Protein backbone atom coordinates (compact mmCIF):
# COMPACT_ATOMS: atom_id res chain seq x y z
CA MET A 1 21.42 151.19 22.73
CA ARG A 2 23.14 150.36 19.45
CA GLY A 3 19.87 149.92 17.52
CA GLY A 4 18.72 153.41 18.59
CA LEU A 5 22.04 154.86 17.62
CA LYS A 6 21.75 153.35 14.14
CA ARG A 7 18.42 155.09 13.60
CA ARG A 8 19.79 158.35 14.97
CA LEU A 9 22.77 158.27 12.60
CA ALA A 10 20.53 157.49 9.63
CA ALA A 11 18.19 160.34 10.53
CA LEU A 12 21.00 162.82 10.85
CA GLY A 13 22.59 161.63 7.61
CA LEU A 14 26.07 161.57 9.16
CA ALA A 15 28.87 160.57 6.83
CA ALA A 16 31.24 157.78 7.78
CA ALA A 17 34.30 158.94 9.74
CA ALA A 18 37.67 159.09 8.06
CA ILE A 19 40.07 156.16 8.43
CA LEU A 20 43.42 156.83 10.07
CA ALA A 21 46.62 155.39 8.69
CA ALA A 22 46.60 152.82 11.48
CA GLY A 23 43.21 151.59 10.34
CA VAL A 24 41.32 153.03 13.32
CA PRO A 25 38.51 155.49 12.43
CA ALA A 26 38.85 158.98 13.82
CA LEU A 27 35.86 160.42 15.70
CA ALA A 28 34.13 163.13 13.70
CA ASP A 29 32.88 164.94 16.81
CA SER A 30 33.34 164.85 20.55
CA GLY A 31 30.48 162.41 21.22
CA ASP A 32 31.31 159.00 22.72
CA GLY A 33 29.50 155.70 22.23
CA TRP A 34 28.85 153.27 19.40
CA ARG A 35 29.63 154.43 15.88
CA GLN A 36 29.34 152.58 12.59
CA VAL A 37 32.06 153.29 10.05
CA ASP A 38 32.14 151.64 6.61
CA GLY A 39 29.86 148.88 7.87
CA ASP A 40 31.89 148.09 11.01
CA TRP A 41 31.02 148.99 14.59
CA TYR A 42 33.36 150.78 17.02
CA TYR A 43 32.96 152.15 20.51
CA TYR A 44 34.48 155.50 21.41
CA ALA A 45 35.43 156.77 24.85
CA GLY A 46 37.11 160.12 25.35
CA GLY A 47 37.14 160.59 21.60
CA GLU A 48 39.24 157.45 21.02
CA PRO A 49 38.18 153.97 19.91
CA VAL A 50 38.23 151.31 22.65
CA THR A 51 40.45 148.36 21.65
CA SER A 52 41.05 144.78 22.90
CA ALA A 53 38.23 144.98 25.42
CA TRP A 54 34.69 143.84 26.19
CA GLN A 55 32.04 146.51 25.84
CA PRO A 56 28.28 146.38 26.61
CA ASP A 57 25.96 147.32 23.76
CA GLY A 58 22.49 147.17 25.31
CA ASN A 59 21.89 143.53 24.33
CA GLY A 60 24.94 142.04 26.01
CA MET A 61 28.69 142.22 25.73
CA CYS A 62 30.71 142.69 22.55
CA TYR A 63 34.43 142.31 22.01
CA LEU A 64 36.46 145.04 20.30
CA GLY A 65 39.61 143.86 18.54
CA GLU A 66 43.06 145.41 18.37
CA ASP A 67 41.88 147.88 15.73
CA GLY A 68 38.74 148.72 17.70
CA ARG A 69 36.43 146.90 15.30
CA MET A 70 33.63 144.82 16.85
CA VAL A 71 34.57 141.15 16.36
CA THR A 72 32.22 138.41 15.13
CA GLY A 73 32.67 134.67 14.68
CA LEU A 74 35.07 132.50 16.69
CA VAL A 75 37.49 134.51 18.78
CA GLU A 76 40.08 133.77 21.48
CA VAL A 77 40.03 136.11 24.47
CA ASP A 78 42.25 135.53 27.50
CA GLY A 79 42.66 131.85 26.67
CA GLU A 80 38.93 131.17 26.19
CA THR A 81 37.04 130.67 22.93
CA TYR A 82 33.77 132.49 22.18
CA TYR A 83 31.44 132.55 19.22
CA LEU A 84 30.30 136.12 18.69
CA GLN A 85 27.10 136.23 16.69
CA GLU A 86 27.40 137.51 13.16
CA SER A 87 24.04 139.07 12.38
CA GLY A 88 20.79 140.40 13.81
CA ALA A 89 20.11 142.51 16.88
CA THR A 90 22.54 140.40 18.95
CA ALA A 91 25.42 140.62 16.47
CA GLY A 92 28.70 140.65 18.36
CA ASN A 93 27.19 139.11 21.52
CA PRO A 94 28.51 135.71 22.69
CA ALA A 95 26.31 132.78 21.64
CA THR A 96 25.40 130.15 24.23
CA GLY A 97 24.27 126.53 24.07
CA TRP A 98 24.63 124.42 20.94
CA GLN A 99 26.07 126.10 17.86
CA TRP A 100 26.75 124.56 14.43
CA ILE A 101 30.15 125.90 13.39
CA ASP A 102 32.50 124.69 10.65
CA ASP A 103 30.45 121.53 10.03
CA GLY A 104 30.44 120.49 13.67
CA TRP A 105 28.46 120.99 16.89
CA ARG A 106 30.06 122.98 19.70
CA TRP A 107 28.77 123.87 23.15
CA PHE A 108 29.04 127.29 24.82
CA ASP A 109 28.21 127.82 28.50
CA GLU A 110 26.06 130.60 29.98
CA GLN A 111 29.00 133.00 29.75
CA GLY A 112 29.60 132.08 26.11
CA VAL A 113 32.80 130.09 26.78
CA MET A 114 33.27 127.11 24.45
CA ALA A 115 33.64 123.68 26.08
CA ARG A 116 36.99 121.99 25.45
CA SER A 117 38.13 118.57 26.68
CA GLN A 118 35.22 118.31 29.09
CA TRP A 119 31.90 116.59 29.73
CA ILE A 120 28.67 118.37 28.80
CA TRP A 121 25.39 117.64 30.60
CA ASP A 122 22.39 118.83 28.59
CA GLU A 123 18.70 117.92 28.92
CA GLY A 124 19.44 114.68 30.75
CA TYR A 125 22.22 113.40 28.47
CA TRP A 126 26.01 113.39 28.45
CA TYR A 127 28.29 114.56 25.64
CA TYR A 128 32.04 115.16 25.49
CA ALA A 129 33.81 118.04 23.76
CA GLY A 130 37.24 117.32 22.35
CA PRO A 131 40.26 119.65 22.61
CA ASP A 132 39.08 121.62 19.56
CA GLY A 133 35.56 121.96 20.96
CA GLU A 134 33.92 119.54 18.53
CA LEU A 135 31.83 116.72 19.97
CA LEU A 136 33.51 113.33 20.11
CA THR A 137 31.85 110.38 18.39
CA GLY A 138 32.44 106.62 18.29
CA LEU A 139 34.63 104.78 20.80
CA GLN A 140 36.63 107.18 22.97
CA THR A 141 38.88 106.64 25.98
CA ILE A 142 38.44 109.34 28.64
CA GLY A 143 39.97 109.20 32.09
CA GLY A 144 40.95 105.56 31.65
CA GLU A 145 37.41 104.41 30.67
CA THR A 146 36.04 103.68 27.21
CA TYR A 147 32.77 105.28 26.09
CA TYR A 148 30.70 105.26 22.92
CA PHE A 149 29.19 108.44 21.47
CA ASN A 150 26.54 108.46 18.73
CA GLY A 151 27.95 109.62 15.41
CA ARG A 152 24.73 109.86 13.43
CA HIS A 153 23.11 113.21 12.67
CA ASN A 154 19.69 112.08 13.93
CA GLY A 155 19.05 114.64 16.64
CA ASN A 156 21.28 112.80 19.12
CA TYR A 157 24.67 113.52 17.57
CA GLY A 158 27.46 113.06 20.09
CA LEU A 159 25.20 111.59 22.78
CA MET A 160 26.83 109.03 25.12
CA LEU A 161 25.13 105.65 24.75
CA THR A 162 24.54 103.01 27.42
CA GLY A 163 23.51 99.35 27.31
CA PRO A 164 24.23 96.99 24.39
CA VAL A 165 25.61 98.80 21.33
CA TYR A 166 26.68 97.38 17.98
CA VAL A 167 30.15 98.61 17.02
CA ASP A 168 31.79 97.35 13.83
CA GLY A 169 29.70 94.18 13.84
CA GLU A 170 30.31 93.34 17.52
CA MET A 171 27.88 93.78 20.40
CA LEU A 172 29.53 95.78 23.18
CA LEU A 173 28.08 96.67 26.57
CA PHE A 174 28.23 100.01 28.38
CA ASP A 175 27.09 100.44 31.98
CA GLU A 176 24.71 103.08 33.36
CA GLU A 177 27.58 105.56 33.64
CA GLY A 178 28.52 104.93 30.01
CA ALA A 179 31.77 103.08 30.72
CA GLN A 180 32.44 99.94 28.67
CA VAL A 181 32.01 96.66 30.53
CA VAL A 182 34.87 94.17 30.12
CA ASP A 183 35.62 90.69 31.49
CA ALA A 184 32.37 90.33 33.42
CA ASP A 185 29.25 88.16 33.67
CA VAL A 186 26.06 90.17 33.06
CA THR A 187 22.30 89.66 32.81
CA LEU A 188 20.57 90.79 29.61
CA LEU A 189 17.04 89.87 28.57
CA ASP A 190 16.80 87.77 31.75
CA GLU A 191 19.71 85.59 30.60
CA GLN A 192 23.34 85.34 31.68
CA TRP A 193 26.07 86.42 29.29
CA HIS A 194 29.83 86.82 29.46
CA VAL A 195 31.61 89.96 28.31
CA ASN A 196 35.16 89.07 27.28
CA GLU A 197 38.36 91.07 27.76
CA ASP A 198 37.74 92.93 24.49
CA GLY A 199 34.34 94.06 25.75
CA VAL A 200 32.38 91.84 23.34
CA ILE A 201 29.26 90.06 24.63
CA GLU A 202 30.01 86.44 23.73
CA GLY A 203 27.23 84.70 21.84
CA TYR A 204 24.76 87.56 22.28
CA VAL A 205 22.23 87.74 19.49
CA SER A 206 19.14 89.92 19.57
CA GLU A 207 16.85 89.40 16.59
CA ALA A 208 14.86 92.48 17.50
CA TYR A 209 17.99 94.63 17.86
CA ASP A 210 19.34 93.53 14.48
CA ALA A 211 15.99 94.05 12.76
CA ALA A 212 15.55 97.49 14.38
CA ALA A 213 18.95 98.56 13.05
CA GLU A 214 17.97 97.50 9.53
CA ALA A 215 14.63 99.31 9.83
CA LEU A 216 16.37 102.50 10.94
CA GLU A 217 18.29 102.56 7.68
CA GLU A 218 14.94 103.06 5.92
CA ALA A 219 13.78 105.46 8.64
CA GLU A 220 16.94 107.57 8.10
CA TRP A 221 17.92 107.14 11.74
CA THR A 222 15.48 109.71 13.10
CA LEU A 223 12.84 109.39 15.82
CA LYS A 224 10.03 110.71 13.59
CA GLY A 225 11.19 108.40 10.82
CA ALA A 226 11.06 105.44 13.23
CA TYR A 227 7.54 106.38 14.33
CA ASP A 228 6.30 106.73 10.75
CA TYR A 229 7.98 103.47 9.73
CA VAL A 230 6.19 101.44 12.42
CA SER A 231 2.86 103.27 12.58
CA GLU A 232 2.37 102.91 8.81
CA LEU A 233 2.75 99.12 8.91
CA PRO A 234 -0.53 97.15 8.53
CA PHE A 235 -2.53 96.77 11.74
CA SER A 236 -3.33 93.14 12.58
CA HIS A 237 -5.65 91.97 15.35
CA TYR A 238 -3.32 89.21 16.54
CA ASP A 239 -4.92 87.24 19.34
CA TYR A 240 -1.47 86.78 20.71
CA ARG A 241 0.31 87.39 24.00
CA ALA A 242 3.96 86.90 24.88
CA PRO A 243 4.63 83.68 26.84
CA ASP A 244 5.40 83.96 30.52
CA GLY A 245 9.01 84.62 31.38
CA VAL A 246 10.01 86.41 28.17
CA VAL A 247 10.98 90.05 27.76
CA HIS A 248 8.08 91.75 26.01
CA SER A 249 10.17 94.42 24.29
CA GLU A 250 12.32 91.70 22.72
CA HIS A 251 9.67 89.08 22.00
CA TYR A 252 6.96 91.31 20.52
CA ALA A 253 9.47 93.32 18.46
CA ALA A 254 11.07 90.22 16.93
CA PHE A 255 7.59 88.95 16.00
CA GLY A 256 6.68 92.29 14.45
CA PHE A 257 9.83 92.66 12.38
CA GLU A 258 9.35 89.14 11.09
CA HIS A 259 5.70 89.65 10.05
CA MET A 260 5.90 93.41 9.32
CA SER A 261 2.49 94.02 10.89
CA GLY A 262 1.06 93.97 14.36
CA ASN A 263 -1.24 95.17 17.09
CA CYS A 264 -0.46 97.82 19.72
CA TYR A 265 1.83 95.49 21.72
CA ILE A 266 3.86 94.45 18.70
CA LYS A 267 4.15 97.87 17.07
CA SER A 268 5.04 99.57 20.36
CA ALA A 269 7.82 97.04 20.98
CA MET A 270 9.19 97.60 17.48
CA PHE A 271 9.30 101.36 17.99
CA TYR A 272 10.83 100.87 21.45
CA GLN A 273 13.75 98.95 19.96
CA MET A 274 14.32 101.58 17.27
CA ALA A 275 14.13 104.52 19.68
CA ARG A 276 16.50 102.75 22.05
CA LEU A 277 19.01 102.27 19.25
CA LEU A 278 18.75 105.99 18.51
CA GLY A 279 19.83 106.69 22.09
CA TYR A 280 16.56 108.04 23.48
CA GLU A 281 15.21 107.46 26.96
CA VAL A 282 12.25 105.29 25.98
CA TYR A 283 9.80 103.06 27.87
CA LEU A 284 7.42 100.35 26.65
CA CYS A 285 4.12 100.73 28.49
CA GLU A 286 1.24 98.26 28.90
CA GLY A 287 -2.08 98.98 30.56
CA TRP A 288 -5.55 100.29 29.74
CA CYS A 289 -6.92 103.33 27.98
CA GLN A 290 -10.24 104.83 26.94
CA THR A 291 -10.37 104.59 23.14
CA THR A 292 -13.04 105.69 20.68
CA LYS A 293 -14.54 102.22 21.10
CA GLY A 294 -14.49 102.20 24.90
CA PRO A 295 -12.05 100.85 27.53
CA SER A 296 -9.39 98.58 26.09
CA GLU A 297 -6.11 96.90 26.95
CA HIS A 298 -3.41 98.86 25.23
CA ALA A 299 0.32 99.32 24.75
CA TRP A 300 2.26 102.45 23.83
CA CYS A 301 5.67 104.04 24.35
CA GLU A 302 6.95 106.97 26.37
CA VAL A 303 9.92 109.01 25.18
CA VAL A 304 11.62 111.71 27.25
CA LEU A 305 12.53 114.77 25.16
CA ASP A 306 14.03 117.90 26.69
CA GLY A 307 12.98 116.71 30.14
CA LYS A 308 9.32 116.18 29.12
CA THR A 309 7.57 112.83 28.74
CA TYR A 310 5.70 112.27 25.49
CA VAL A 311 3.37 109.44 24.49
CA MET A 312 4.17 107.69 21.22
CA ASP A 313 1.05 105.74 20.33
CA LEU A 314 1.78 103.54 17.33
CA THR A 315 -1.81 102.41 16.66
CA PHE A 316 -3.58 105.70 17.43
CA PRO A 317 -3.62 106.49 13.66
CA ASN A 318 -5.35 103.16 12.90
CA ASP A 319 -8.23 104.10 15.21
CA THR A 320 -8.52 107.84 14.62
CA GLY A 321 -6.72 108.68 11.38
CA MET A 322 -4.56 111.16 13.32
CA SER A 323 -0.90 110.97 14.29
CA GLY A 324 0.04 109.53 17.66
CA TYR A 325 3.49 111.14 17.61
CA LYS A 326 4.50 113.21 20.65
CA LEU A 327 1.18 113.20 22.48
CA ARG A 328 0.85 114.38 26.07
CA TYR A 329 -1.13 112.68 28.82
CA GLY A 330 -4.51 114.41 29.14
CA GLN A 331 -4.18 116.10 25.74
CA LYS A 332 -7.56 116.92 24.20
CA GLY A 333 -8.59 114.61 21.38
CA THR A 334 -6.36 111.71 22.44
CA TYR A 335 -6.93 108.53 24.40
CA ARG A 336 -7.41 108.68 28.16
CA TYR A 337 -4.53 106.54 29.39
CA MET A 338 -5.17 104.83 32.73
CA MET A 339 -2.41 105.76 35.15
CA ASN A 340 -2.05 102.26 36.62
CA PHE A 341 -0.07 101.09 33.57
CA ALA A 342 3.29 99.31 33.80
CA ARG A 343 6.58 100.12 32.15
CA VAL A 344 7.71 96.71 30.89
CA GLY A 345 10.72 97.84 28.89
């Protein structure tokens, strides 16, 4: 392995090999394998440096350039782009998954190949890599359909959004597959609306949606910021229930943003609207739980992160003094949530 070889060379006190006129180090003895010369790594076979080829190093594969030097950073090999790690034990090995490179996110598959002009499915969400590998944001036409990708660096950068989305002051609608809806009659908040030929929902106004967008400016457009923003609002024991026939996530949230205080139903609906705007898979839940004061009607939110469902309890801090952010069902020291609850949003 390369790490063992480094220690062996240090112990033996070997001097760096001489550099040939062509820039390729000559081998000081007949031994083959990995050698470090003037800070760069080479691999020798038959006494000669291997060039323009992949070579295993004990941790994975490394690429040796035309001069035999181990390459790091972005590199093109046989028409594919790789990002070869630049430091640590895996230096020279292809990186996989999300990588922040040149002020942009790029995606590399299990073989280390960078995604270009293709869809990316990761942890339950869709993204799209442009021809240069950077994630697309904003309105984009792909395969004859128009999509909208989040452009905020809030943990969901580049994520494809669905449902109603504000774009340049207009409310647009994107279906479950992410494609923009145009020239159609749709049902939103239990009411009928018309989407015109430009994709704008005519006459659609959501007080809760607008207020949530304003609140997210203060919350810096992050999920934790949204939770803190709502959970820190004054708790009020409103003896208040949404009228029959209204959408709870809309009605309670609009009430909360207007009064800037609320009970579990109101605060949960406010957070629901903010998390939804951020692009998360979020649910507004109503049911019962065992609190520190005994069984009680209660409302909370669920958010799916990396395939796992977390409880976001907005009034848990008011009762316990502890955070209700990213709890798990059955977690010690939290409420016992009754499993016959309903997702109402």
